[in-house]
Amino acid sequence: MGTSRDPRKGKIDRIGKIALRRRGIGVREKIIRYRGLSLIFRLNGEQYDVFANQEKIASLETNNINEAIELYKSMALKH
């Protein structure tokens, strides 16, 4: 016969994922426009790689998308 399944488990997992995504954790890829460029932030293990025009332009040591975007912007302002 089939296995019994707790119907609440799926809901808790989805709610947990939503909460993490709101904090910027677990976002695998995000595209933003910055200074006329379309930048792709792609999670690679515990860091985000940043691509512009299909070329990798930076690696940022964080697994939080919001923090990665801020790090990139602060790096770009220094140059």
N, C-alpha and C. Protein backbone atom coordinates (compact mmCIF):
# COMPACT_ATOMS: atom_id res chain seq x y z
N MET A 1 0.83 -1.17 0.00
CA MET A 1 0.00 0.00 0.00
C MET A 1 0.88 1.24 0.00
N GLY A 2 0.25 2.41 -0.03
CA GLY A 2 0.99 3.67 -0.07
C GLY A 2 1.53 4.03 1.30
N THR A 3 2.42 4.96 1.29
CA THR A 3 2.97 5.42 2.56
C THR A 3 2.12 6.56 3.09
N SER A 4 2.04 6.65 4.40
CA SER A 4 1.29 7.76 4.98
C SER A 4 2.19 8.99 4.96
N ARG A 5 1.60 10.13 4.70
CA ARG A 5 2.37 11.36 4.56
C ARG A 5 1.73 12.44 5.41
N ASP A 6 2.54 13.16 6.10
CA ASP A 6 2.05 14.27 6.92
C ASP A 6 1.79 15.46 6.01
N PRO A 7 0.54 15.87 5.84
CA PRO A 7 0.23 16.97 4.92
C PRO A 7 0.82 18.30 5.36
N ARG A 8 1.14 18.43 6.64
CA ARG A 8 1.72 19.68 7.13
C ARG A 8 3.18 19.83 6.74
N LYS A 9 3.86 18.73 6.50
CA LYS A 9 5.30 18.79 6.23
C LYS A 9 5.59 19.62 4.99
N GLY A 10 4.88 19.42 3.91
CA GLY A 10 5.10 20.18 2.69
C GLY A 10 4.88 21.66 2.89
N LYS A 11 3.86 22.00 3.67
CA LYS A 11 3.57 23.41 3.92
C LYS A 11 4.67 24.05 4.75
N ILE A 12 5.17 23.37 5.72
CA ILE A 12 6.24 23.93 6.55
C ILE A 12 7.48 24.13 5.69
N ASP A 13 7.81 23.17 4.85
CA ASP A 13 8.96 23.32 3.98
C ASP A 13 8.81 24.51 3.04
N ARG A 14 7.64 24.67 2.46
CA ARG A 14 7.42 25.81 1.55
C ARG A 14 7.51 27.13 2.30
N ILE A 15 6.93 27.20 3.46
CA ILE A 15 6.97 28.42 4.26
C ILE A 15 8.41 28.73 4.68
N GLY A 16 9.15 27.70 5.06
CA GLY A 16 10.55 27.88 5.42
C GLY A 16 11.38 28.39 4.25
N LYS A 17 11.13 27.85 3.06
CA LYS A 17 11.86 28.30 1.87
C LYS A 17 11.53 29.75 1.55
N ILE A 18 10.28 30.13 1.70
CA ILE A 18 9.88 31.52 1.45
C ILE A 18 10.59 32.44 2.43
N ALA A 19 10.65 32.06 3.69
CA ALA A 19 11.31 32.89 4.70
C ALA A 19 12.80 33.05 4.38
N LEU A 20 13.45 31.97 3.96
CA LEU A 20 14.86 32.06 3.62
C LEU A 20 15.09 32.93 2.39
N ARG A 21 14.22 32.78 1.39
CA ARG A 21 14.37 33.59 0.18
C ARG A 21 14.18 35.07 0.47
N ARG A 22 13.28 35.40 1.40
CA ARG A 22 13.10 36.81 1.78
C ARG A 22 14.36 37.38 2.38
N ARG A 23 15.10 36.54 3.07
CA ARG A 23 16.37 36.98 3.66
C ARG A 23 17.52 36.89 2.66
N GLY A 24 17.24 36.40 1.44
CA GLY A 24 18.26 36.34 0.41
C GLY A 24 19.07 35.06 0.41
N ILE A 25 18.65 34.08 1.19
CA ILE A 25 19.39 32.83 1.29
C ILE A 25 18.71 31.79 0.40
N GLY A 26 19.48 31.11 -0.41
CA GLY A 26 18.93 30.06 -1.25
C GLY A 26 18.50 30.53 -2.64
N VAL A 27 18.73 31.80 -2.96
CA VAL A 27 18.42 32.29 -4.29
C VAL A 27 19.56 31.86 -5.20
N ARG A 28 19.25 31.06 -6.21
CA ARG A 28 20.30 30.51 -7.07
C ARG A 28 20.78 31.47 -8.14
N GLU A 29 19.85 32.29 -8.64
CA GLU A 29 20.23 33.20 -9.71
C GLU A 29 19.32 34.42 -9.69
N LYS A 30 19.93 35.58 -9.95
CA LYS A 30 19.14 36.81 -10.01
C LYS A 30 19.78 37.73 -11.03
N ILE A 31 18.93 38.37 -11.82
CA ILE A 31 19.40 39.31 -12.83
C ILE A 31 19.00 40.71 -12.38
N ILE A 32 19.96 41.62 -12.39
CA ILE A 32 19.67 43.01 -12.04
C ILE A 32 20.26 43.92 -13.12
N ARG A 33 19.71 45.12 -13.23
CA ARG A 33 20.27 46.15 -14.10
C ARG A 33 21.05 47.11 -13.20
N TYR A 34 22.31 47.36 -13.57
CA TYR A 34 23.15 48.25 -12.79
C TYR A 34 24.07 49.00 -13.74
N ARG A 35 23.96 50.30 -13.74
CA ARG A 35 24.79 51.18 -14.58
C ARG A 35 24.75 50.77 -16.05
N GLY A 36 23.56 50.47 -16.54
CA GLY A 36 23.37 50.14 -17.94
C GLY A 36 23.71 48.72 -18.33
N LEU A 37 24.13 47.89 -17.38
CA LEU A 37 24.47 46.49 -17.65
C LEU A 37 23.44 45.57 -17.02
N SER A 38 23.20 44.46 -17.68
CA SER A 38 22.42 43.38 -17.07
C SER A 38 23.41 42.44 -16.41
N LEU A 39 23.34 42.36 -15.10
CA LEU A 39 24.25 41.50 -14.34
C LEU A 39 23.51 40.27 -13.86
N ILE A 40 24.16 39.13 -13.98
CA ILE A 40 23.60 37.88 -13.48
C ILE A 40 24.41 37.45 -12.27
N PHE A 41 23.75 37.28 -11.15
CA PHE A 41 24.36 36.77 -9.93
C PHE A 41 23.96 35.30 -9.84
N ARG A 42 24.94 34.41 -9.91
CA ARG A 42 24.65 32.97 -9.92
C ARG A 42 25.37 32.29 -8.75
N LEU A 43 24.60 31.60 -7.91
CA LEU A 43 25.16 30.89 -6.76
C LEU A 43 26.02 29.73 -7.23
N ASN A 44 27.24 29.67 -6.69
CA ASN A 44 28.20 28.62 -7.04
C ASN A 44 28.80 28.12 -5.72
N GLY A 45 28.18 27.11 -5.14
CA GLY A 45 28.63 26.61 -3.83
C GLY A 45 28.29 27.61 -2.75
N GLU A 46 29.31 28.18 -2.12
CA GLU A 46 29.11 29.16 -1.05
C GLU A 46 29.45 30.57 -1.51
N GLN A 47 29.49 30.80 -2.81
CA GLN A 47 29.79 32.13 -3.31
C GLN A 47 28.90 32.46 -4.50
N TYR A 48 28.84 33.73 -4.83
CA TYR A 48 28.09 34.17 -6.01
C TYR A 48 29.08 34.61 -7.07
N ASP A 49 28.90 34.09 -8.28
CA ASP A 49 29.66 34.55 -9.44
C ASP A 49 28.80 35.59 -10.15
N VAL A 50 29.45 36.65 -10.61
CA VAL A 50 28.75 37.74 -11.29
C VAL A 50 29.16 37.72 -12.76
N PHE A 51 28.15 37.75 -13.64
CA PHE A 51 28.39 37.71 -15.08
C PHE A 51 27.80 38.94 -15.75
N ALA A 52 28.52 39.46 -16.74
CA ALA A 52 28.03 40.53 -17.61
C ALA A 52 28.40 40.13 -19.03
N ASN A 53 27.43 40.16 -19.93
CA ASN A 53 27.67 39.75 -21.32
C ASN A 53 28.27 38.35 -21.41
N GLN A 54 27.77 37.45 -20.61
CA GLN A 54 28.18 36.04 -20.56
C GLN A 54 29.63 35.84 -20.15
N GLU A 55 30.22 36.86 -19.53
CA GLU A 55 31.60 36.78 -19.07
C GLU A 55 31.62 36.96 -17.55
N LYS A 56 32.34 36.08 -16.86
CA LYS A 56 32.44 36.18 -15.40
C LYS A 56 33.31 37.38 -15.05
N ILE A 57 32.75 38.31 -14.26
CA ILE A 57 33.49 39.51 -13.93
C ILE A 57 33.85 39.61 -12.44
N ALA A 58 33.25 38.76 -11.60
CA ALA A 58 33.55 38.82 -10.17
C ALA A 58 33.06 37.56 -9.47
N SER A 59 33.68 37.26 -8.34
CA SER A 59 33.23 36.21 -7.42
C SER A 59 33.13 36.84 -6.04
N LEU A 60 32.01 36.61 -5.38
CA LEU A 60 31.75 37.24 -4.09
C LEU A 60 31.55 36.16 -3.04
N GLU A 61 32.27 36.24 -1.95
CA GLU A 61 32.25 35.23 -0.89
C GLU A 61 31.07 35.41 0.06
N THR A 62 29.90 35.06 -0.42
CA THR A 62 28.70 35.08 0.41
C THR A 62 27.66 34.16 -0.23
N ASN A 63 26.74 33.66 0.58
CA ASN A 63 25.65 32.85 0.02
C ASN A 63 24.31 33.58 0.16
N ASN A 64 24.37 34.89 0.40
CA ASN A 64 23.19 35.73 0.53
C ASN A 64 23.12 36.66 -0.68
N ILE A 65 22.08 36.57 -1.48
CA ILE A 65 21.98 37.35 -2.71
C ILE A 65 21.98 38.85 -2.45
N ASN A 66 21.30 39.29 -1.41
CA ASN A 66 21.25 40.72 -1.10
C ASN A 66 22.62 41.25 -0.72
N GLU A 67 23.35 40.48 0.05
CA GLU A 67 24.71 40.85 0.44
C GLU A 67 25.63 40.85 -0.78
N ALA A 68 25.46 39.88 -1.68
CA ALA A 68 26.28 39.80 -2.89
C ALA A 68 26.08 41.05 -3.76
N ILE A 69 24.84 41.48 -3.91
CA ILE A 69 24.56 42.67 -4.71
C ILE A 69 25.20 43.89 -4.08
N GLU A 70 25.08 44.04 -2.78
CA GLU A 70 25.69 45.18 -2.09
C GLU A 70 27.21 45.14 -2.19
N LEU A 71 27.82 43.95 -2.06
CA LEU A 71 29.27 43.83 -2.21
C LEU A 71 29.71 44.25 -3.60
N TYR A 72 28.98 43.80 -4.61
CA TYR A 72 29.34 44.15 -5.98
C TYR A 72 29.23 45.66 -6.20
N LYS A 73 28.17 46.25 -5.74
CA LYS A 73 27.98 47.69 -5.92
C LYS A 73 29.08 48.49 -5.21
N SER A 74 29.48 48.04 -4.02
CA SER A 74 30.55 48.76 -3.31
C SER A 74 31.88 48.59 -4.04
N MET A 75 32.12 47.41 -4.64
CA MET A 75 33.34 47.20 -5.43
C MET A 75 33.32 48.09 -6.68
N ALA A 76 32.18 48.18 -7.33
CA ALA A 76 32.05 48.96 -8.56
C ALA A 76 32.26 50.44 -8.29
N LEU A 77 31.83 50.92 -7.13
CA LEU A 77 32.00 52.35 -6.80
C LEU A 77 33.47 52.69 -6.56
N LYS A 78 34.25 51.74 -6.09
CA LYS A 78 35.67 51.98 -5.82
C LYS A 78 36.48 52.07 -7.11
N HIS A 79 35.98 51.49 -8.19
CA HIS A 79 36.73 51.48 -9.46
C HIS A 79 36.33 52.60 -10.35
